[in-house]
Protein backbone atom coordinates (compact mmCIF):
# COMPACT_ATOMS: atom_id res chain seq x y z
CA MET A 1 -81.81 231.36 272.40
CA THR A 2 -82.68 232.20 276.04
CA ASP A 3 -82.34 234.57 278.85
CA GLY A 4 -79.96 234.75 281.59
CA VAL A 5 -79.20 231.40 283.24
CA GLN A 6 -81.17 229.52 280.60
CA GLY A 7 -79.18 231.20 277.93
CA GLN A 8 -76.03 230.04 279.50
CA ARG A 9 -77.36 226.44 279.87
CA ALA A 10 -78.10 226.54 276.20
CA ALA A 11 -74.64 227.59 275.24
CA VAL A 12 -73.19 224.92 277.21
CA VAL A 13 -75.06 222.47 275.41
CA PHE A 14 -74.57 223.57 271.83
CA ASP A 15 -70.95 224.31 272.30
CA ALA A 16 -70.33 220.75 273.28
CA LEU A 17 -72.56 219.37 270.34
CA GLY A 18 -71.30 221.71 267.50
CA PRO A 19 -71.19 220.24 264.09
CA VAL A 20 -72.72 217.06 265.39
CA TYR A 21 -76.19 218.77 265.73
CA GLU A 22 -75.80 219.68 261.90
CA GLU A 23 -75.18 216.10 261.20
CA ALA A 24 -77.93 214.79 263.20
CA PHE A 25 -80.54 216.84 261.86
CA ALA A 26 -79.61 217.46 258.22
CA HIS A 27 -81.86 215.00 256.77
CA SER A 28 -84.83 216.51 258.08
CA GLU A 29 -87.41 216.56 254.88
CA ALA A 30 -89.86 218.91 257.00
CA HIS A 31 -87.22 221.43 257.81
CA LEU A 32 -86.25 221.59 254.19
CA ALA A 33 -89.73 221.94 252.81
CA SER A 34 -90.50 224.73 255.04
CA LEU A 35 -87.61 226.55 253.90
CA GLU A 36 -88.88 226.14 250.28
CA TRP A 37 -92.25 227.51 251.68
CA LEU A 38 -90.36 230.47 252.91
CA LEU A 39 -88.24 231.03 249.69
CA GLY A 40 -91.76 231.21 247.63
CA ARG A 41 -92.96 233.95 249.53
CA LEU A 42 -90.01 236.39 249.72
CA ALA A 43 -89.03 238.83 247.33
CA PRO A 44 -85.64 239.28 246.09
CA GLY A 45 -83.02 240.63 248.65
CA SER A 46 -85.39 240.03 251.67
CA ARG A 47 -83.98 240.72 255.16
CA VAL A 48 -84.25 237.57 257.34
CA LEU A 49 -83.94 236.88 260.99
CA ASP A 50 -82.53 233.32 262.13
CA VAL A 51 -83.26 232.93 265.47
CA GLY A 52 -80.80 229.91 267.10
CA SER A 53 -78.86 229.94 263.83
CA GLY A 54 -76.72 227.01 265.05
CA THR A 55 -74.20 226.01 262.32
CA GLY A 56 -75.85 228.07 259.72
CA ARG A 57 -77.13 224.99 257.84
CA PRO A 58 -79.39 224.58 256.28
CA THR A 59 -81.32 227.56 257.11
CA ALA A 60 -78.98 230.72 256.83
CA SER A 61 -76.93 228.67 253.75
CA THR A 62 -80.28 228.03 251.89
CA LEU A 63 -81.58 231.70 252.45
CA ALA A 64 -78.35 233.48 251.68
CA ALA A 65 -77.86 231.21 248.52
CA ALA A 66 -81.02 232.63 247.48
CA GLY A 67 -79.73 236.08 247.77
CA HIS A 68 -81.26 237.29 251.03
CA ASP A 69 -79.70 239.28 253.91
CA VAL A 70 -79.50 236.85 256.58
CA LEU A 71 -79.04 237.64 260.22
CA GLY A 72 -78.32 234.78 262.54
CA ILE A 73 -78.52 234.88 266.30
CA ASP A 74 -77.17 232.36 268.77
CA VAL A 75 -76.08 232.17 272.29
CA SER A 76 -73.26 229.59 271.54
CA PRO A 77 -70.18 230.87 270.36
CA VAL A 78 -68.95 227.47 268.97
CA MET A 79 -72.09 227.41 266.86
CA VAL A 80 -71.55 231.26 265.74
CA GLU A 81 -67.85 230.38 264.85
CA LEU A 82 -68.84 227.34 262.71
CA ALA A 83 -71.63 229.27 260.75
CA THR A 84 -69.47 232.47 260.09
CA ARG A 85 -67.02 230.06 258.44
CA ARG A 86 -69.63 227.86 256.52
CA VAL A 87 -72.13 230.53 255.49
CA PRO A 88 -70.04 233.46 254.88
CA ASP A 89 -72.73 235.42 252.70
CA ALA A 90 -74.68 235.65 255.94
CA THR A 91 -74.27 237.51 259.22
CA PHE A 92 -74.11 235.86 262.72
CA ARG A 93 -73.85 237.29 266.17
CA ARG A 94 -73.24 235.46 269.38
CA ALA A 95 -76.15 237.15 271.72
CA ASP A 96 -79.12 236.15 273.69
CA ILE A 97 -81.93 237.18 271.47
CA ALA A 98 -83.68 238.40 274.42
CA GLU A 99 -80.98 241.26 274.73
CA VAL A 100 -80.76 242.01 270.84
CA PRO A 101 -82.93 245.23 270.18
CA LEU A 102 -85.37 244.47 267.44
CA GLN A 103 -87.02 247.65 265.50
CA ASP A 104 -90.68 247.15 264.43
CA GLY A 105 -91.25 245.89 260.99
CA SER A 106 -87.62 245.49 260.26
CA PHE A 107 -87.31 242.03 258.74
CA ASP A 108 -89.48 240.56 256.07
CA ALA A 109 -89.24 236.80 257.69
CA VAL A 110 -88.19 235.21 260.76
CA CYS A 111 -87.19 231.91 261.23
CA VAL A 112 -87.23 230.00 264.73
CA TYR A 113 -86.07 226.47 264.40
CA PHE A 114 -86.29 224.68 267.69
CA SER A 115 -84.85 227.60 269.51
CA LEU A 116 -87.55 227.73 272.36
CA LEU A 117 -87.09 224.58 274.09
CA GLN A 118 -84.91 225.77 276.68
CA MET A 119 -86.78 228.99 277.63
CA SER A 120 -89.43 229.45 280.01
CA ARG A 121 -92.96 229.56 278.99
CA GLU A 122 -93.05 233.58 279.98
CA ARG A 123 -89.72 234.27 278.02
CA GLN A 124 -91.17 232.03 275.03
CA SER A 125 -94.41 234.27 275.13
CA ASP A 126 -92.41 237.45 275.41
CA LEU A 127 -89.82 236.66 272.48
CA MET A 128 -92.80 235.65 270.20
CA GLY A 129 -94.35 238.96 270.83
CA ARG A 130 -91.06 240.89 269.95
CA LEU A 131 -90.55 238.61 266.80
CA ALA A 132 -93.83 239.40 265.60
CA ARG A 133 -93.50 243.15 265.90
CA ALA A 134 -89.98 242.90 264.28
CA LEU A 135 -91.81 241.42 261.03
CA ARG A 136 -93.20 243.81 258.60
CA PRO A 137 -96.87 243.45 258.18
CA GLY A 138 -97.58 240.55 255.92
CA GLY A 139 -93.98 239.31 256.62
CA SER A 140 -93.78 235.57 257.36
CA LEU A 141 -92.43 233.33 260.31
CA VAL A 142 -91.48 229.72 260.36
CA LEU A 143 -91.44 228.02 263.68
CA ALA A 144 -90.25 224.32 264.49
CA THR A 145 -90.56 222.81 267.82
CA VAL A 146 -91.22 219.54 269.61
CA PRO A 147 -94.94 219.96 270.56
CA VAL A 148 -95.25 218.36 274.02
CA ASP A 149 -96.81 219.82 277.23
CA VAL A 150 -94.00 220.11 279.61
CA GLU A 151 -92.32 222.73 281.73
CA ASP A 152 -88.95 222.63 283.08
CA VAL A 153 -88.24 219.05 282.66
CA ALA A 154 -85.08 217.11 282.94
CA VAL A 155 -84.34 215.31 279.78
CA GLU A 156 -81.32 214.07 278.03
CA PHE A 157 -80.78 215.58 274.39
CA MET A 158 -78.01 213.43 272.21
CA GLY A 159 -75.91 212.74 275.17
CA GLN A 160 -76.31 216.31 276.88
CA PRO A 161 -78.49 217.07 280.08
CA VAL A 162 -81.18 219.87 279.34
CA ARG A 163 -84.14 221.29 280.85
CA ALA A 164 -87.03 221.61 278.27
CA THR A 165 -90.12 223.36 278.20
CA SER A 166 -92.70 223.37 275.47
CA PHE A 167 -96.46 223.71 274.65
CA ALA A 168 -98.95 221.26 273.26
CA ALA A 169 -99.72 222.13 269.75
CA GLU A 170 -102.86 223.86 270.38
CA ASP A 171 -101.56 226.06 272.98
CA LEU A 172 -98.56 227.18 270.88
CA VAL A 173 -100.93 228.43 268.01
CA ALA A 174 -102.94 230.29 270.47
CA LEU A 175 -99.78 231.95 271.84
CA LEU A 176 -98.73 232.82 268.31
CA ASN A 177 -102.20 234.34 267.39
CA ARG A 178 -102.02 236.45 270.69
CA ALA A 179 -98.73 237.71 269.50
CA GLY A 180 -100.31 238.86 266.29
CA LEU A 181 -99.19 236.06 263.89
CA ALA A 182 -101.89 234.12 261.75
CA VAL A 183 -101.09 230.36 261.29
CA GLU A 184 -101.60 229.68 258.05
CA SER A 185 -100.87 225.90 257.81
CA GLU A 186 -99.00 223.43 260.35
CA HIS A 187 -97.01 220.14 259.47
CA HIS A 188 -96.65 217.27 262.03
CA ALA A 189 -93.59 214.71 261.45
CA MET A 190 -91.92 212.19 263.44
CA PHE A 191 -88.18 212.58 263.19
CA THR A 192 -85.07 210.63 264.40
CA PRO A 193 -81.82 212.71 264.44
CA ALA A 194 -78.88 210.65 263.08
CA HIS A 195 -76.99 210.40 266.35
CA PRO A 196 -76.64 206.90 268.54
CA ASP A 197 -78.26 208.55 271.69
CA ALA A 198 -81.25 210.11 269.92
CA ALA A 199 -84.91 208.66 269.80
CA PRO A 200 -87.72 209.58 267.47
CA GLU A 201 -89.43 212.77 268.40
CA PRO A 202 -92.66 214.58 267.18
CA HIS A 203 -92.07 217.91 265.21
CA LEU A 204 -94.36 220.62 264.55
CA PHE A 205 -93.68 223.15 261.88
CA LEU A 206 -95.89 226.26 261.90
CA TYR A 207 -95.95 228.63 258.76
CA CYS A 208 -97.20 231.84 259.85
CA ARG A 209 -97.79 235.68 258.62
CA ARG A 210 -97.64 238.85 260.54
CA GLU A 211 -101.31 240.22 260.81
CA GLU A 212 -101.64 243.63 259.21
CA THR A 213 -102.78 245.26 262.82
CA GLN A 214 -100.97 243.94 265.92
CA PRO A 215 -102.30 243.36 269.22
CA ALA A 216 -101.95 246.24 271.91
CA VAL A 217 -98.98 245.43 273.97
């Protein structure tokens, strides 16, 4: 999910949450709707990268059940172990996505569900450029986040202390455009995770396509 110390912090948080995270977010209709959108754009046997794959549900499980070749990357060893058991038809690796080599044009789709929020803005920008280049021209990317204008703010997430960084919606769209991604549509929703320490939070889902011509690096 993140780089260096940020990645270590994220691993601690999600190791502690484990299956509780999946249970808290399993009823997100917006998440499921975004997967349906993605499935409608993929050719049979497409190669999909799931960044911050968590327990593998619902993202990797939905895509793998539809016959796609899914690679999940997560910094949390607990999450990777859970995902490997729960979604045996997908492949999962414990790694920091910032350190994973990504070949240009090697994926038909990329999923980035709430996996940027513990990265610095510089790391988020760098990663989105790499992910855009890893998509084949015309490939699809779905990104979900909490669209608030904050940087390195201490918050409590489901009982776990974290430091969060995010962008306002329009600034995130601009970042994706600079990376070479066209935002075809966006969906805003309020969501309350099923957890006693959770509060309602705004969610933003961006449905994107890689431009045929990538910006100069």
